[in-house]
Amino acid sequence: MDMTLTTLAVDSTLTDIAWFLVVGLVVVGVLLGGFKLGQRVRAQEPPPPAPESQPHLPDGGAVYEVREERDPVELPEGGLRPHEMQGYGNFGSTTSAHPEEVRANREAGHKRPEGPGPHPQPGAPPGSGRGAHS
C-alpha cells in the first residue's frame, strides 16, 4: 500500500514536470515565431535613406530666430469670440515702429520679488538673496 502512494506521488511530480516542459517549449516556439515574423517584416521595409537624400543647410547657413515687437491691440470689453479673431489669433497686429518703447511698456509691470524665495537653498546664510537662481 505504501508503495502505491509513493508511485502515485512520483507519477504526479513527473506529470507536473512534463507540463512545465511542454509549456516552456510552447513559449519558446511563440517567441521564435515572433522573431522570424519580425525578420520578414523588416526585410520588406525600404532601406534607410542615403546621406545624399538627407536635408542640408541652406547656402546662407543656419536660419536664426527673428525677434520682433508687435504693436498692442485693444480688446473689446466683452472679449472676442473665435470667429471674430483676425489673422489666426494675432488680431492683424503689425510690427512696431518703436520696439524699445513697446518692450519697456510690456516689462514695466514686471517686478522681481525682494528677499529670499519661498524655498531658500539648504545651508544658505540668512538674507543671501534668492539662492542659485538669483
Protein backbone atom coordinates (compact mmCIF):
# COMPACT_ATOMS: atom_id res chain seq x y z
CA MET A 1 0.00 0.00 0.00
CA ASP A 2 2.84 2.31 0.86
CA MET A 3 4.46 1.62 -2.50
CA THR A 4 1.31 2.60 -4.39
CA LEU A 5 1.14 6.04 -2.77
CA THR A 6 4.83 6.64 -3.48
CA THR A 7 4.35 5.60 -7.09
CA LEU A 8 1.36 7.94 -7.43
CA ALA A 9 3.31 10.83 -5.89
CA VAL A 10 6.23 10.23 -8.27
CA ASP A 11 3.84 9.99 -11.22
CA SER A 12 2.20 13.30 -10.20
CA THR A 13 5.59 15.01 -9.87
CA LEU A 14 6.73 13.71 -13.25
CA THR A 15 3.45 14.84 -14.81
CA ASP A 16 3.92 18.36 -13.38
CA ILE A 17 7.50 18.48 -14.69
CA ALA A 18 6.33 17.31 -18.11
CA TRP A 19 3.67 20.04 -18.22
CA PHE A 20 6.25 22.70 -17.34
CA LEU A 21 8.47 21.43 -20.16
CA VAL A 22 5.59 21.44 -22.65
CA VAL A 23 4.52 24.96 -21.67
CA GLY A 24 8.15 26.14 -21.82
CA LEU A 25 8.58 24.69 -25.30
CA VAL A 26 5.35 26.38 -26.45
CA VAL A 27 6.55 29.74 -25.10
CA VAL A 28 9.94 29.36 -26.79
CA GLY A 29 8.19 28.42 -30.04
CA VAL A 30 5.94 31.52 -29.89
CA LEU A 31 8.95 33.75 -29.23
CA LEU A 32 10.93 32.25 -32.11
CA GLY A 33 7.91 32.58 -34.40
CA GLY A 34 7.56 36.26 -33.46
CA PHE A 35 11.25 36.81 -34.11
CA LYS A 36 11.03 35.22 -37.56
CA LEU A 37 7.90 37.23 -38.38
CA GLY A 38 9.72 40.41 -37.36
CA GLN A 39 12.62 39.50 -39.64
CA ARG A 40 10.27 39.02 -42.59
CA VAL A 41 8.50 42.34 -41.97
CA ARG A 42 11.86 44.14 -41.62
CA ALA A 43 13.10 42.59 -44.88
CA GLN A 44 10.09 44.03 -46.75
CA GLU A 45 10.66 47.60 -45.48
CA PRO A 46 12.52 50.07 -47.67
CA PRO A 47 16.17 50.64 -46.79
CA PRO A 48 17.16 53.67 -44.70
CA PRO A 49 17.69 56.89 -46.65
CA ALA A 50 21.12 57.59 -48.08
CA PRO A 51 23.13 60.56 -46.73
CA GLU A 52 22.64 62.37 -50.04
CA SER A 53 18.86 62.40 -49.59
CA GLN A 54 19.06 63.98 -46.12
CA PRO A 55 18.24 67.68 -45.68
CA HIS A 56 21.15 70.11 -45.88
CA LEU A 57 21.75 73.61 -44.52
CA PRO A 58 20.74 76.42 -46.85
CA ASP A 59 23.50 78.21 -48.76
CA GLY A 60 23.27 81.17 -46.40
CA GLY A 61 23.93 78.99 -43.34
CA ALA A 62 21.67 78.24 -40.41
CA VAL A 63 18.44 80.20 -40.04
CA TYR A 64 18.30 82.17 -36.81
CA GLU A 65 15.38 83.33 -34.69
CA VAL A 66 13.91 86.68 -35.56
CA ARG A 67 12.59 88.69 -32.63
CA GLU A 68 10.17 91.49 -33.19
CA GLU A 69 7.87 93.56 -31.07
CA ARG A 70 4.24 93.84 -32.13
CA ASP A 71 2.01 96.86 -31.60
CA PRO A 72 -0.57 96.11 -28.91
CA VAL A 73 -4.18 95.68 -29.99
CA GLU A 74 -7.01 96.74 -27.73
CA LEU A 75 -9.59 94.07 -26.96
CA PRO A 76 -13.27 94.89 -26.61
CA GLU A 77 -14.66 94.87 -23.08
CA GLY A 78 -16.59 91.64 -23.60
CA GLY A 79 -13.69 89.89 -25.33
CA LEU A 80 -13.73 88.23 -28.72
CA ARG A 81 -15.19 85.00 -29.94
CA PRO A 82 -13.05 82.72 -32.10
CA HIS A 83 -14.85 83.68 -35.33
CA GLU A 84 -14.25 87.37 -34.57
CA MET A 85 -10.48 86.98 -34.35
CA GLN A 86 -8.50 88.13 -37.34
CA GLY A 87 -5.18 86.88 -38.59
CA TYR A 88 -5.28 83.50 -36.80
CA GLY A 89 -5.26 84.99 -33.33
CA ASN A 90 -2.92 87.93 -33.68
CA PHE A 91 -5.77 90.37 -34.48
CA GLY A 92 -3.97 91.71 -37.53
CA SER A 93 -1.28 93.33 -35.36
CA THR A 94 1.68 94.93 -37.06
CA THR A 95 5.38 95.14 -36.35
CA SER A 96 6.10 98.05 -34.07
CA ALA A 97 7.97 101.07 -35.37
CA HIS A 98 9.29 101.67 -31.83
CA PRO A 99 10.20 98.24 -30.41
CA GLU A 100 12.13 99.63 -27.41
CA GLU A 101 9.08 101.55 -26.17
CA VAL A 102 6.76 98.56 -26.65
CA ARG A 103 9.17 96.27 -24.77
CA ALA A 104 9.59 98.84 -21.95
CA ASN A 105 5.79 99.20 -21.59
CA ARG A 106 5.29 95.46 -21.56
CA GLU A 107 8.01 94.85 -18.98
CA ALA A 108 7.08 97.84 -16.79
CA GLY A 109 4.59 95.78 -14.79
CA HIS A 110 7.14 93.07 -14.04
CA LYS A 111 8.88 93.38 -10.68
CA ARG A 112 11.36 90.95 -9.28
CA PRO A 113 10.40 89.85 -5.77
CA GLU A 114 12.62 91.04 -2.96
CA GLY A 115 14.10 88.88 -0.24
CA PRO A 116 14.57 85.15 -0.07
CA GLY A 117 12.43 82.95 -2.25
CA PRO A 118 9.70 80.68 -0.99
CA HIS A 119 12.19 77.78 -0.80
CA PRO A 120 15.65 79.02 0.26
CA GLN A 121 18.65 76.88 -0.60
CA PRO A 122 19.62 74.46 2.18
CA GLY A 123 22.51 75.75 4.26
CA ALA A 124 22.34 79.26 2.81
CA PRO A 125 23.01 82.08 5.26
CA PRO A 126 20.07 84.30 6.14
CA GLY A 127 19.50 87.20 3.75
CA SER A 128 21.54 85.56 0.98
CA GLY A 129 19.08 86.51 -1.79
CA ARG A 130 17.08 84.08 -3.86
CA GLY A 131 19.58 81.22 -3.89
CA ALA A 132 21.14 79.74 -7.00
CA HIS A 133 18.62 81.36 -9.36
CA SER A 134 19.21 84.99 -8.37
